[in-house]
N, C-alpha and C. Protein backbone atom coordinates (compact mmCIF):
# COMPACT_ATOMS: atom_id res chain seq x y z
N UNK A 1 0.83 -1.18 0.00
CA UNK A 1 0.00 0.00 0.00
C UNK A 1 0.87 1.24 0.00
N UNK A 2 0.41 2.28 -0.70
CA UNK A 2 1.15 3.53 -0.77
C UNK A 2 0.28 4.68 -0.29
N UNK A 3 0.93 5.70 0.24
CA UNK A 3 0.25 6.93 0.66
C UNK A 3 0.76 8.06 -0.22
N UNK A 4 -0.15 8.66 -0.97
CA UNK A 4 0.19 9.81 -1.80
C UNK A 4 -0.42 11.04 -1.15
N UNK A 5 0.42 12.00 -0.83
CA UNK A 5 0.01 13.21 -0.11
C UNK A 5 0.11 14.40 -1.04
N UNK A 6 -0.95 15.16 -1.15
CA UNK A 6 -0.92 16.42 -1.88
C UNK A 6 -0.92 17.55 -0.88
N UNK A 7 -0.05 18.54 -1.08
CA UNK A 7 0.01 19.65 -0.14
C UNK A 7 -0.77 20.85 -0.67
N UNK A 8 -1.42 21.54 0.27
CA UNK A 8 -2.20 22.72 -0.05
C UNK A 8 -2.82 23.28 1.21
N UNK A 9 -3.69 24.26 1.04
CA UNK A 9 -4.44 24.85 2.14
C UNK A 9 -5.92 24.58 1.90
N UNK A 10 -6.68 24.29 2.97
CA UNK A 10 -8.04 23.79 2.80
C UNK A 10 -9.14 24.81 2.53
N UNK A 11 -8.89 26.09 2.71
CA UNK A 11 -9.95 27.08 2.52
C UNK A 11 -10.42 27.10 1.07
N UNK A 12 -11.73 27.10 0.83
CA UNK A 12 -12.24 27.15 -0.55
C UNK A 12 -11.68 28.32 -1.36
N UNK A 13 -11.46 29.46 -0.71
CA UNK A 13 -10.92 30.63 -1.41
C UNK A 13 -9.47 30.47 -1.82
N UNK A 14 -8.81 29.43 -1.33
CA UNK A 14 -7.40 29.18 -1.66
C UNK A 14 -7.24 28.08 -2.71
N UNK A 15 -8.34 27.54 -3.19
CA UNK A 15 -8.30 26.37 -4.07
C UNK A 15 -7.46 26.58 -5.33
N UNK A 16 -7.41 27.80 -5.86
CA UNK A 16 -6.67 28.06 -7.10
C UNK A 16 -5.28 28.64 -6.83
N UNK A 17 -4.86 28.69 -5.57
CA UNK A 17 -3.52 29.20 -5.23
C UNK A 17 -2.44 28.28 -5.81
N UNK A 18 -1.32 28.87 -6.18
CA UNK A 18 -0.18 28.08 -6.67
C UNK A 18 0.29 27.09 -5.60
N UNK A 19 0.17 27.48 -4.34
CA UNK A 19 0.59 26.63 -3.22
C UNK A 19 -0.25 25.35 -3.16
N UNK A 20 -1.41 25.32 -3.82
CA UNK A 20 -2.32 24.18 -3.75
C UNK A 20 -2.16 23.22 -4.93
N UNK A 21 -1.09 23.33 -5.67
CA UNK A 21 -0.90 22.47 -6.84
C UNK A 21 -0.81 20.99 -6.44
N UNK A 22 -0.37 20.70 -5.22
CA UNK A 22 -0.34 19.31 -4.74
C UNK A 22 -1.75 18.74 -4.61
N UNK A 23 -2.68 19.55 -4.08
CA UNK A 23 -4.09 19.14 -4.02
C UNK A 23 -4.61 18.89 -5.43
N UNK A 24 -4.30 19.82 -6.33
CA UNK A 24 -4.79 19.73 -7.71
C UNK A 24 -4.30 18.44 -8.38
N UNK A 25 -3.03 18.11 -8.17
CA UNK A 25 -2.47 16.90 -8.77
C UNK A 25 -3.21 15.65 -8.29
N UNK A 26 -3.47 15.57 -6.99
CA UNK A 26 -4.18 14.40 -6.46
C UNK A 26 -5.61 14.34 -6.98
N UNK A 27 -6.25 15.50 -7.13
CA UNK A 27 -7.61 15.51 -7.67
C UNK A 27 -7.65 14.91 -9.07
N UNK A 28 -6.70 15.30 -9.91
CA UNK A 28 -6.66 14.80 -11.29
C UNK A 28 -6.34 13.30 -11.30
N UNK A 29 -5.37 12.88 -10.48
CA UNK A 29 -5.00 11.46 -10.41
C UNK A 29 -6.20 10.63 -9.94
N UNK A 30 -6.85 11.07 -8.85
CA UNK A 30 -7.99 10.32 -8.29
C UNK A 30 -9.13 10.23 -9.30
N UNK A 31 -9.37 11.31 -10.02
CA UNK A 31 -10.44 11.32 -11.01
C UNK A 31 -10.12 10.38 -12.18
N UNK A 32 -8.92 10.49 -12.72
CA UNK A 32 -8.53 9.67 -13.88
C UNK A 32 -8.55 8.18 -13.55
N UNK A 33 -8.14 7.83 -12.34
CA UNK A 33 -7.98 6.41 -12.00
C UNK A 33 -9.13 5.85 -11.16
N UNK A 34 -10.24 6.58 -11.10
CA UNK A 34 -11.46 6.05 -10.48
C UNK A 34 -11.38 5.80 -8.99
N UNK A 35 -10.70 6.68 -8.26
CA UNK A 35 -10.63 6.53 -6.81
C UNK A 35 -12.01 6.81 -6.20
N UNK A 36 -12.17 6.43 -4.94
CA UNK A 36 -13.42 6.66 -4.21
C UNK A 36 -13.65 8.16 -4.02
N UNK A 37 -14.90 8.55 -3.72
CA UNK A 37 -15.15 9.96 -3.41
C UNK A 37 -14.33 10.39 -2.18
N UNK A 38 -13.96 11.66 -2.14
CA UNK A 38 -13.20 12.20 -1.01
C UNK A 38 -14.07 12.18 0.25
N UNK A 39 -13.45 11.82 1.38
CA UNK A 39 -14.10 11.82 2.67
C UNK A 39 -13.09 12.28 3.72
N UNK A 40 -13.56 12.60 4.91
CA UNK A 40 -12.65 13.11 5.94
C UNK A 40 -12.20 12.01 6.90
N UNK A 41 -10.89 12.01 7.14
CA UNK A 41 -10.27 11.09 8.09
C UNK A 41 -8.84 11.56 8.32
N UNK A 42 -8.29 11.35 9.47
CA UNK A 42 -6.90 11.75 9.81
C UNK A 42 -6.70 13.27 9.69
N UNK A 43 -7.74 14.06 9.95
CA UNK A 43 -7.65 15.53 9.78
C UNK A 43 -7.27 15.87 8.34
N UNK A 44 -7.83 15.10 7.41
CA UNK A 44 -7.51 15.26 5.99
C UNK A 44 -8.70 14.80 5.16
N UNK A 45 -8.66 15.15 3.88
CA UNK A 45 -9.57 14.57 2.91
C UNK A 45 -8.82 13.38 2.31
N UNK A 46 -9.47 12.22 2.28
CA UNK A 46 -8.81 11.04 1.72
C UNK A 46 -9.69 10.40 0.65
N UNK A 47 -9.03 9.75 -0.26
CA UNK A 47 -9.66 8.99 -1.33
C UNK A 47 -8.74 7.80 -1.58
N UNK A 48 -9.30 6.68 -1.99
CA UNK A 48 -8.41 5.54 -2.25
C UNK A 48 -8.81 4.84 -3.52
N UNK A 49 -7.86 4.11 -4.05
CA UNK A 49 -8.08 3.38 -5.27
C UNK A 49 -6.96 2.38 -5.49
N UNK A 50 -7.05 1.70 -6.61
CA UNK A 50 -6.04 0.71 -6.97
C UNK A 50 -5.58 1.00 -8.39
N UNK A 51 -4.28 1.03 -8.57
CA UNK A 51 -3.70 1.19 -9.91
C UNK A 51 -2.75 0.02 -10.11
N UNK A 52 -3.01 -0.77 -11.13
CA UNK A 52 -2.18 -1.94 -11.44
C UNK A 52 -1.98 -2.84 -10.22
N UNK A 53 -3.05 -3.04 -9.47
CA UNK A 53 -3.01 -3.93 -8.33
C UNK A 53 -2.40 -3.35 -7.06
N UNK A 54 -1.99 -2.08 -7.11
CA UNK A 54 -1.40 -1.44 -5.93
C UNK A 54 -2.44 -0.54 -5.28
N UNK A 55 -2.71 -0.78 -3.99
CA UNK A 55 -3.65 0.06 -3.23
C UNK A 55 -2.98 1.39 -2.90
N UNK A 56 -3.69 2.47 -3.17
CA UNK A 56 -3.17 3.82 -2.91
C UNK A 56 -4.19 4.60 -2.11
N UNK A 57 -3.73 5.24 -1.05
CA UNK A 57 -4.55 6.18 -0.31
C UNK A 57 -4.03 7.57 -0.66
N UNK A 58 -4.91 8.41 -1.20
CA UNK A 58 -4.58 9.80 -1.50
C UNK A 58 -5.04 10.65 -0.32
N UNK A 59 -4.18 11.55 0.13
CA UNK A 59 -4.47 12.33 1.33
C UNK A 59 -4.16 13.80 1.09
N UNK A 60 -5.15 14.65 1.40
CA UNK A 60 -4.98 16.11 1.33
C UNK A 60 -5.21 16.66 2.73
N UNK A 61 -4.13 17.03 3.46
CA UNK A 61 -4.29 17.54 4.82
C UNK A 61 -5.22 18.75 4.87
N UNK A 62 -6.10 18.76 5.85
CA UNK A 62 -7.01 19.89 6.06
C UNK A 62 -6.53 20.76 7.23
N UNK A 63 -5.25 20.66 7.52
CA UNK A 63 -4.66 21.30 8.70
C UNK A 63 -3.90 22.57 8.35
N UNK A 64 -3.96 23.03 7.13
CA UNK A 64 -3.15 24.13 6.61
C UNK A 64 -1.72 23.65 6.42
N UNK A 65 -1.05 24.32 5.52
CA UNK A 65 0.29 23.92 5.08
C UNK A 65 1.26 23.73 6.24
N UNK A 66 1.28 24.68 7.18
CA UNK A 66 2.27 24.65 8.25
C UNK A 66 2.12 23.48 9.21
N UNK A 67 0.98 22.80 9.16
CA UNK A 67 0.75 21.66 10.05
C UNK A 67 0.39 20.40 9.26
N UNK A 68 0.80 20.34 8.00
CA UNK A 68 0.50 19.18 7.15
C UNK A 68 0.99 17.87 7.76
N UNK A 69 2.10 17.93 8.46
CA UNK A 69 2.71 16.73 9.01
C UNK A 69 1.84 15.98 9.99
N UNK A 70 0.98 16.69 10.73
CA UNK A 70 0.15 16.00 11.73
C UNK A 70 -0.84 15.05 11.06
N UNK A 71 -1.43 15.46 9.93
CA UNK A 71 -2.35 14.59 9.21
C UNK A 71 -1.59 13.41 8.59
N UNK A 72 -0.43 13.69 8.02
CA UNK A 72 0.38 12.63 7.42
C UNK A 72 0.81 11.63 8.49
N UNK A 73 1.25 12.14 9.63
CA UNK A 73 1.69 11.28 10.72
C UNK A 73 0.55 10.36 11.19
N UNK A 74 -0.67 10.88 11.27
CA UNK A 74 -1.81 10.06 11.70
C UNK A 74 -2.05 8.91 10.73
N UNK A 75 -2.02 9.21 9.42
CA UNK A 75 -2.26 8.16 8.42
C UNK A 75 -1.12 7.15 8.41
N UNK A 76 0.12 7.62 8.49
CA UNK A 76 1.28 6.74 8.49
C UNK A 76 1.24 5.80 9.70
N UNK A 77 0.87 6.35 10.85
CA UNK A 77 0.77 5.53 12.05
C UNK A 77 -0.34 4.49 11.95
N UNK A 78 -1.48 4.89 11.41
CA UNK A 78 -2.60 3.96 11.29
C UNK A 78 -2.28 2.82 10.33
N UNK A 79 -1.70 3.14 9.18
CA UNK A 79 -1.40 2.13 8.17
C UNK A 79 -0.04 1.46 8.37
N UNK A 80 0.74 1.97 9.33
CA UNK A 80 2.08 1.42 9.63
C UNK A 80 2.96 1.39 8.38
N UNK A 81 3.11 2.56 7.77
CA UNK A 81 3.86 2.67 6.52
C UNK A 81 5.29 3.12 6.74
N UNK A 82 6.23 2.57 5.99
CA UNK A 82 7.60 3.06 6.04
C UNK A 82 7.71 4.32 5.17
N UNK A 83 8.75 5.13 5.37
CA UNK A 83 8.89 6.37 4.59
C UNK A 83 8.88 6.16 3.08
N UNK A 84 9.44 5.06 2.61
CA UNK A 84 9.50 4.85 1.15
C UNK A 84 8.13 4.57 0.53
N UNK A 85 7.10 4.35 1.35
CA UNK A 85 5.74 4.15 0.83
C UNK A 85 4.98 5.47 0.69
N UNK A 86 5.63 6.58 1.05
CA UNK A 86 4.99 7.89 1.03
C UNK A 86 5.54 8.72 -0.13
N UNK A 87 4.64 9.34 -0.88
CA UNK A 87 5.03 10.27 -1.93
C UNK A 87 4.25 11.56 -1.70
N UNK A 88 4.97 12.68 -1.65
CA UNK A 88 4.36 13.99 -1.42
C UNK A 88 4.42 14.80 -2.71
N UNK A 89 3.29 15.30 -3.16
CA UNK A 89 3.18 16.16 -4.34
C UNK A 89 3.08 17.60 -3.84
N UNK A 90 4.01 18.46 -4.29
CA UNK A 90 4.04 19.83 -3.75
C UNK A 90 4.56 20.83 -4.77
N UNK A 91 4.24 22.09 -4.50
CA UNK A 91 4.72 23.19 -5.34
C UNK A 91 6.21 23.42 -5.09
N UNK A 92 6.89 23.91 -6.13
CA UNK A 92 8.32 24.20 -6.00
C UNK A 92 8.64 25.47 -6.81
N UNK A 93 9.03 26.53 -6.10
CA UNK A 93 9.32 27.80 -6.79
C UNK A 93 10.67 27.77 -7.49
N UNK A 94 11.50 26.80 -7.16
CA UNK A 94 12.82 26.72 -7.79
C UNK A 94 12.80 25.97 -9.12
N UNK A 95 11.64 25.47 -9.51
CA UNK A 95 11.48 24.83 -10.82
C UNK A 95 10.67 25.74 -11.73
N UNK A 96 11.02 25.75 -12.99
CA UNK A 96 10.27 26.53 -13.98
C UNK A 96 8.82 26.06 -14.01
N UNK A 97 7.91 26.95 -14.33
CA UNK A 97 6.50 26.57 -14.40
C UNK A 97 6.28 25.37 -15.33
N UNK A 98 5.56 24.37 -14.82
CA UNK A 98 5.24 23.19 -15.61
C UNK A 98 6.27 22.08 -15.59
N UNK A 99 7.42 22.33 -14.98
CA UNK A 99 8.45 21.29 -14.88
C UNK A 99 8.16 20.39 -13.68
N UNK A 100 8.51 19.12 -13.82
CA UNK A 100 8.26 18.14 -12.76
C UNK A 100 9.54 17.39 -12.48
N UNK A 101 9.87 17.26 -11.20
CA UNK A 101 11.04 16.49 -10.79
C UNK A 101 10.64 15.59 -9.62
N UNK A 102 11.30 14.44 -9.55
CA UNK A 102 11.05 13.48 -8.47
C UNK A 102 12.36 13.22 -7.76
N UNK A 103 12.31 13.16 -6.44
CA UNK A 103 13.49 12.78 -5.67
C UNK A 103 13.05 12.13 -4.38
N UNK A 104 13.97 11.42 -3.78
CA UNK A 104 13.70 10.80 -2.48
C UNK A 104 14.55 11.50 -1.44
N UNK A 105 13.92 11.92 -0.36
CA UNK A 105 14.63 12.58 0.72
C UNK A 105 15.07 13.99 0.36
N UNK A 106 15.89 14.56 1.21
CA UNK A 106 16.38 15.91 0.98
C UNK A 106 15.80 16.89 1.97
N UNK A 107 16.20 18.12 1.83
CA UNK A 107 15.75 19.17 2.74
C UNK A 107 14.40 19.73 2.33
N UNK A 108 13.87 20.60 3.18
CA UNK A 108 12.56 21.20 2.92
C UNK A 108 12.64 22.38 1.97
N UNK A 109 13.84 22.93 1.75
CA UNK A 109 14.04 24.06 0.83
C UNK A 109 13.08 25.21 1.12
N UNK A 110 12.83 25.46 2.40
CA UNK A 110 11.97 26.57 2.78
C UNK A 110 10.47 26.29 2.66
N UNK A 111 10.09 25.08 2.27
CA UNK A 111 8.68 24.74 2.10
C UNK A 111 8.10 24.32 3.46
N UNK A 112 7.14 25.09 3.96
CA UNK A 112 6.61 24.83 5.29
C UNK A 112 5.85 23.51 5.41
N UNK A 113 5.22 23.07 4.33
CA UNK A 113 4.54 21.77 4.36
C UNK A 113 5.52 20.63 4.52
N UNK A 114 6.62 20.67 3.74
CA UNK A 114 7.66 19.64 3.86
C UNK A 114 8.33 19.70 5.23
N UNK A 115 8.57 20.90 5.70
CA UNK A 115 9.20 21.06 7.02
C UNK A 115 8.33 20.41 8.10
N UNK A 116 7.02 20.60 8.03
CA UNK A 116 6.10 20.02 9.00
C UNK A 116 6.11 18.49 8.91
N UNK A 117 6.10 17.96 7.69
CA UNK A 117 6.14 16.50 7.52
C UNK A 117 7.45 15.93 8.05
N UNK A 118 8.56 16.57 7.73
CA UNK A 118 9.86 16.12 8.23
C UNK A 118 9.86 16.06 9.76
N UNK A 119 9.33 17.12 10.37
CA UNK A 119 9.31 17.20 11.84
C UNK A 119 8.43 16.10 12.43
N UNK A 120 7.26 15.86 11.85
CA UNK A 120 6.34 14.86 12.41
C UNK A 120 6.78 13.43 12.15
N UNK A 121 7.39 13.17 11.01
CA UNK A 121 7.83 11.81 10.70
C UNK A 121 9.20 11.50 11.28
N UNK A 122 9.96 12.54 11.60
CA UNK A 122 11.28 12.33 12.18
C UNK A 122 12.35 12.00 11.16
N UNK A 123 11.98 11.94 9.89
CA UNK A 123 12.95 11.64 8.84
C UNK A 123 12.42 12.14 7.50
N UNK A 124 13.29 12.69 6.67
CA UNK A 124 12.83 13.21 5.38
C UNK A 124 12.95 12.20 4.24
N UNK A 125 13.01 10.91 4.55
CA UNK A 125 13.34 9.90 3.55
C UNK A 125 12.12 9.37 2.79
N UNK A 126 11.21 10.26 2.40
CA UNK A 126 10.06 9.88 1.60
C UNK A 126 10.23 10.47 0.19
N UNK A 127 9.39 10.04 -0.73
CA UNK A 127 9.47 10.52 -2.12
C UNK A 127 8.78 11.87 -2.24
N UNK A 128 9.29 12.71 -3.14
CA UNK A 128 8.69 14.01 -3.41
C UNK A 128 8.52 14.17 -4.91
N UNK A 129 7.33 14.61 -5.31
CA UNK A 129 7.08 15.01 -6.69
C UNK A 129 6.99 16.53 -6.67
N UNK A 130 8.04 17.16 -7.18
CA UNK A 130 8.17 18.61 -7.16
C UNK A 130 7.51 19.19 -8.42
N UNK A 131 6.50 20.01 -8.23
CA UNK A 131 5.72 20.58 -9.33
C UNK A 131 6.08 22.06 -9.46
N UNK A 132 6.76 22.40 -10.55
CA UNK A 132 7.28 23.75 -10.72
C UNK A 132 6.20 24.80 -10.93
N UNK A 133 6.29 25.87 -10.13
CA UNK A 133 5.38 27.02 -10.29
C UNK A 133 6.15 28.29 -10.63
N UNK A 134 7.48 28.18 -10.71
CA UNK A 134 8.30 29.35 -11.05
C UNK A 134 8.53 30.27 -9.87
N UNK A 135 9.53 31.10 -9.99
CA UNK A 135 9.92 32.05 -8.95
C UNK A 135 9.56 33.46 -9.43
N UNK A 136 9.06 34.31 -8.55
CA UNK A 136 8.68 35.67 -8.97
C UNK A 136 9.88 36.59 -9.24
N UNK A 137 11.10 36.09 -9.05
CA UNK A 137 12.35 36.82 -9.30
C UNK A 137 12.63 37.93 -8.29
N UNK A 138 11.81 38.03 -7.28
CA UNK A 138 12.01 39.02 -6.22
C UNK A 138 11.60 38.35 -4.92
N UNK A 139 12.57 38.17 -4.01
CA UNK A 139 12.29 37.45 -2.76
C UNK A 139 11.13 38.05 -1.98
N UNK A 140 10.95 39.36 -2.07
CA UNK A 140 9.87 40.00 -1.32
C UNK A 140 8.48 39.63 -1.88
N UNK A 141 8.44 39.02 -3.06
CA UNK A 141 7.17 38.66 -3.67
C UNK A 141 6.86 37.16 -3.60
N UNK A 142 7.73 36.39 -2.95
CA UNK A 142 7.54 34.94 -2.91
C UNK A 142 6.21 34.57 -2.25
N UNK A 143 5.91 35.14 -1.09
CA UNK A 143 4.67 34.79 -0.38
C UNK A 143 3.44 35.12 -1.21
N UNK A 144 3.41 36.31 -1.79
CA UNK A 144 2.24 36.67 -2.60
C UNK A 144 2.15 35.81 -3.87
N UNK A 145 3.30 35.36 -4.36
CA UNK A 145 3.31 34.49 -5.54
C UNK A 145 2.69 33.13 -5.21
N UNK A 146 3.19 32.46 -4.17
CA UNK A 146 2.69 31.12 -3.86
C UNK A 146 1.25 31.16 -3.35
N UNK A 147 0.87 32.25 -2.70
CA UNK A 147 -0.50 32.36 -2.18
C UNK A 147 -1.42 33.10 -3.14
N UNK A 148 -0.97 33.30 -4.37
CA UNK A 148 -1.80 33.91 -5.40
C UNK A 148 -2.40 32.85 -6.30
N UNK A 149 -3.51 33.20 -6.94
CA UNK A 149 -4.18 32.27 -7.85
C UNK A 149 -3.40 32.12 -9.14
N UNK A 150 -3.49 30.94 -9.74
CA UNK A 150 -2.97 30.75 -11.08
C UNK A 150 -3.74 31.67 -12.02
N UNK A 151 -3.03 32.31 -12.93
CA UNK A 151 -3.67 33.18 -13.91
C UNK A 151 -4.19 32.32 -15.07
N UNK A 152 -5.02 32.90 -15.90
CA UNK A 152 -5.54 32.15 -17.05
C UNK A 152 -4.40 31.77 -17.99
N UNK A 153 -3.37 32.61 -18.12
CA UNK A 153 -2.21 32.26 -18.95
C UNK A 153 -1.47 31.06 -18.37
N UNK A 154 -1.35 30.99 -17.06
CA UNK A 154 -0.66 29.87 -16.42
C UNK A 154 -1.43 28.56 -16.59
N UNK A 155 -2.73 28.64 -16.72
CA UNK A 155 -3.52 27.42 -16.92
C UNK A 155 -3.17 26.74 -18.23
N UNK A 156 -2.56 27.49 -19.16
CA UNK A 156 -2.14 26.91 -20.44
C UNK A 156 -1.07 25.83 -20.23
N UNK A 157 -0.26 25.93 -19.17
CA UNK A 157 0.71 24.88 -18.87
C UNK A 157 0.26 24.03 -17.68
N UNK A 158 -0.52 24.62 -16.76
CA UNK A 158 -0.93 23.91 -15.55
C UNK A 158 -1.78 22.67 -15.86
N UNK A 159 -2.83 22.86 -16.62
CA UNK A 159 -3.76 21.76 -16.89
C UNK A 159 -3.07 20.62 -17.65
N UNK A 160 -2.33 20.91 -18.73
CA UNK A 160 -1.62 19.80 -19.41
C UNK A 160 -0.58 19.12 -18.51
N UNK A 161 0.09 19.89 -17.65
CA UNK A 161 1.08 19.28 -16.76
C UNK A 161 0.42 18.34 -15.76
N UNK A 162 -0.71 18.75 -15.17
CA UNK A 162 -1.42 17.89 -14.23
C UNK A 162 -1.93 16.63 -14.93
N UNK A 163 -2.42 16.78 -16.15
CA UNK A 163 -2.87 15.62 -16.93
C UNK A 163 -1.70 14.68 -17.23
N UNK A 164 -0.55 15.25 -17.58
CA UNK A 164 0.64 14.44 -17.89
C UNK A 164 1.10 13.65 -16.66
N UNK A 165 1.07 14.29 -15.50
CA UNK A 165 1.44 13.61 -14.26
C UNK A 165 0.49 12.42 -14.04
N UNK A 166 -0.80 12.64 -14.22
CA UNK A 166 -1.78 11.59 -14.01
C UNK A 166 -1.61 10.45 -15.02
N UNK A 167 -1.37 10.80 -16.28
CA UNK A 167 -1.20 9.78 -17.33
C UNK A 167 0.07 8.96 -17.13
N UNK A 168 1.09 9.56 -16.51
CA UNK A 168 2.40 8.91 -16.38
C UNK A 168 2.60 8.22 -15.03
N UNK A 169 1.62 8.31 -14.15
CA UNK A 169 1.80 7.91 -12.75
C UNK A 169 2.16 6.43 -12.58
N UNK A 170 1.77 5.58 -13.53
CA UNK A 170 2.10 4.15 -13.42
C UNK A 170 3.61 3.94 -13.36
N UNK A 171 4.36 4.79 -14.07
CA UNK A 171 5.82 4.66 -14.05
C UNK A 171 6.38 4.94 -12.65
N UNK A 172 5.77 5.86 -11.94
CA UNK A 172 6.19 6.13 -10.57
C UNK A 172 5.87 4.92 -9.69
N UNK A 173 4.69 4.34 -9.91
CA UNK A 173 4.30 3.13 -9.17
C UNK A 173 5.29 1.99 -9.38
N UNK A 174 5.81 1.90 -10.60
CA UNK A 174 6.74 0.82 -10.94
C UNK A 174 8.16 1.09 -10.44
N UNK A 175 8.36 2.19 -9.72
CA UNK A 175 9.69 2.52 -9.22
C UNK A 175 10.62 3.04 -10.29
N UNK A 176 10.05 3.75 -11.27
CA UNK A 176 10.84 4.29 -12.37
C UNK A 176 10.70 5.81 -12.43
N UNK A 177 11.24 6.52 -11.44
CA UNK A 177 11.07 7.98 -11.41
C UNK A 177 11.67 8.69 -12.62
N UNK A 178 12.79 8.20 -13.13
CA UNK A 178 13.40 8.84 -14.31
C UNK A 178 12.49 8.70 -15.52
N UNK A 179 11.92 7.52 -15.72
CA UNK A 179 11.00 7.31 -16.83
C UNK A 179 9.74 8.17 -16.67
N UNK A 180 9.26 8.28 -15.43
CA UNK A 180 8.10 9.13 -15.14
C UNK A 180 8.39 10.57 -15.56
N UNK A 181 9.54 11.11 -15.13
CA UNK A 181 9.88 12.49 -15.47
C UNK A 181 10.03 12.67 -16.98
N UNK A 182 10.62 11.69 -17.63
CA UNK A 182 10.80 11.76 -19.09
C UNK A 182 9.45 11.78 -19.80
N UNK A 183 8.54 10.91 -19.38
CA UNK A 183 7.23 10.85 -20.03
C UNK A 183 6.46 12.15 -19.80
N UNK A 184 6.50 12.68 -18.57
CA UNK A 184 5.81 13.96 -18.31
C UNK A 184 6.40 15.05 -19.21
N UNK A 185 7.73 15.09 -19.32
CA UNK A 185 8.38 16.10 -20.15
C UNK A 185 7.96 15.95 -21.61
N UNK A 186 7.87 14.72 -22.11
CA UNK A 186 7.44 14.50 -23.49
C UNK A 186 6.00 14.92 -23.71
N UNK A 187 5.14 14.63 -22.77
CA UNK A 187 3.73 14.98 -22.90
C UNK A 187 3.49 16.49 -22.80
N UNK A 188 4.44 17.21 -22.20
CA UNK A 188 4.25 18.66 -22.01
C UNK A 188 5.24 19.48 -22.81
N UNK A 189 5.98 18.88 -23.72
CA UNK A 189 7.07 19.60 -24.39
C UNK A 189 6.62 20.80 -25.21
N UNK A 190 5.38 20.84 -25.65
CA UNK A 190 4.90 21.95 -26.47
C UNK A 190 4.22 23.05 -25.66
N UNK A 191 4.23 22.94 -24.32
CA UNK A 191 3.49 23.94 -23.54
C UNK A 191 4.38 24.88 -22.74
N UNK A 192 5.68 24.60 -22.63
CA UNK A 192 6.49 25.46 -21.76
C UNK A 192 7.09 26.61 -22.51
């Protein structure tokens, strides 16, 4: 069994924020692969399904970004999952808009959701799917950038990128992160 965590903030008015791209990715994956309707558990919205015989629980913490780890910790404890069974989908300002990178472990790079998960799990050795939202080029504008809504121009790359992630997700399941990134890049090569 795997736990896929999307990071975001739960307020309806924040649904289109760049910071909520992790929630958006899980929504597209759950919809494409026929997961159950979202319900509340572990201080989160959860949905589950099976892809190629692998049971997956999708989790969107409803605790706000800074406390995402508490919801993740509850689910991990209940299902008794090791860190390598966890994949976190999150926004990354250090990646160009629409770019996707996967890595295991590493630092939080200033991301409060990752910092909270690291603190609650006691180890950063889980998988991360980094979803590029771009940097505003001015440090004083970072907060307003991540907490701002995607513009209609940005949706030109956002929607195809989320679809590409969903279409390519089987490669991640198979333990082929490089192939996953390559396929996403191929599916989105005309949008960046």
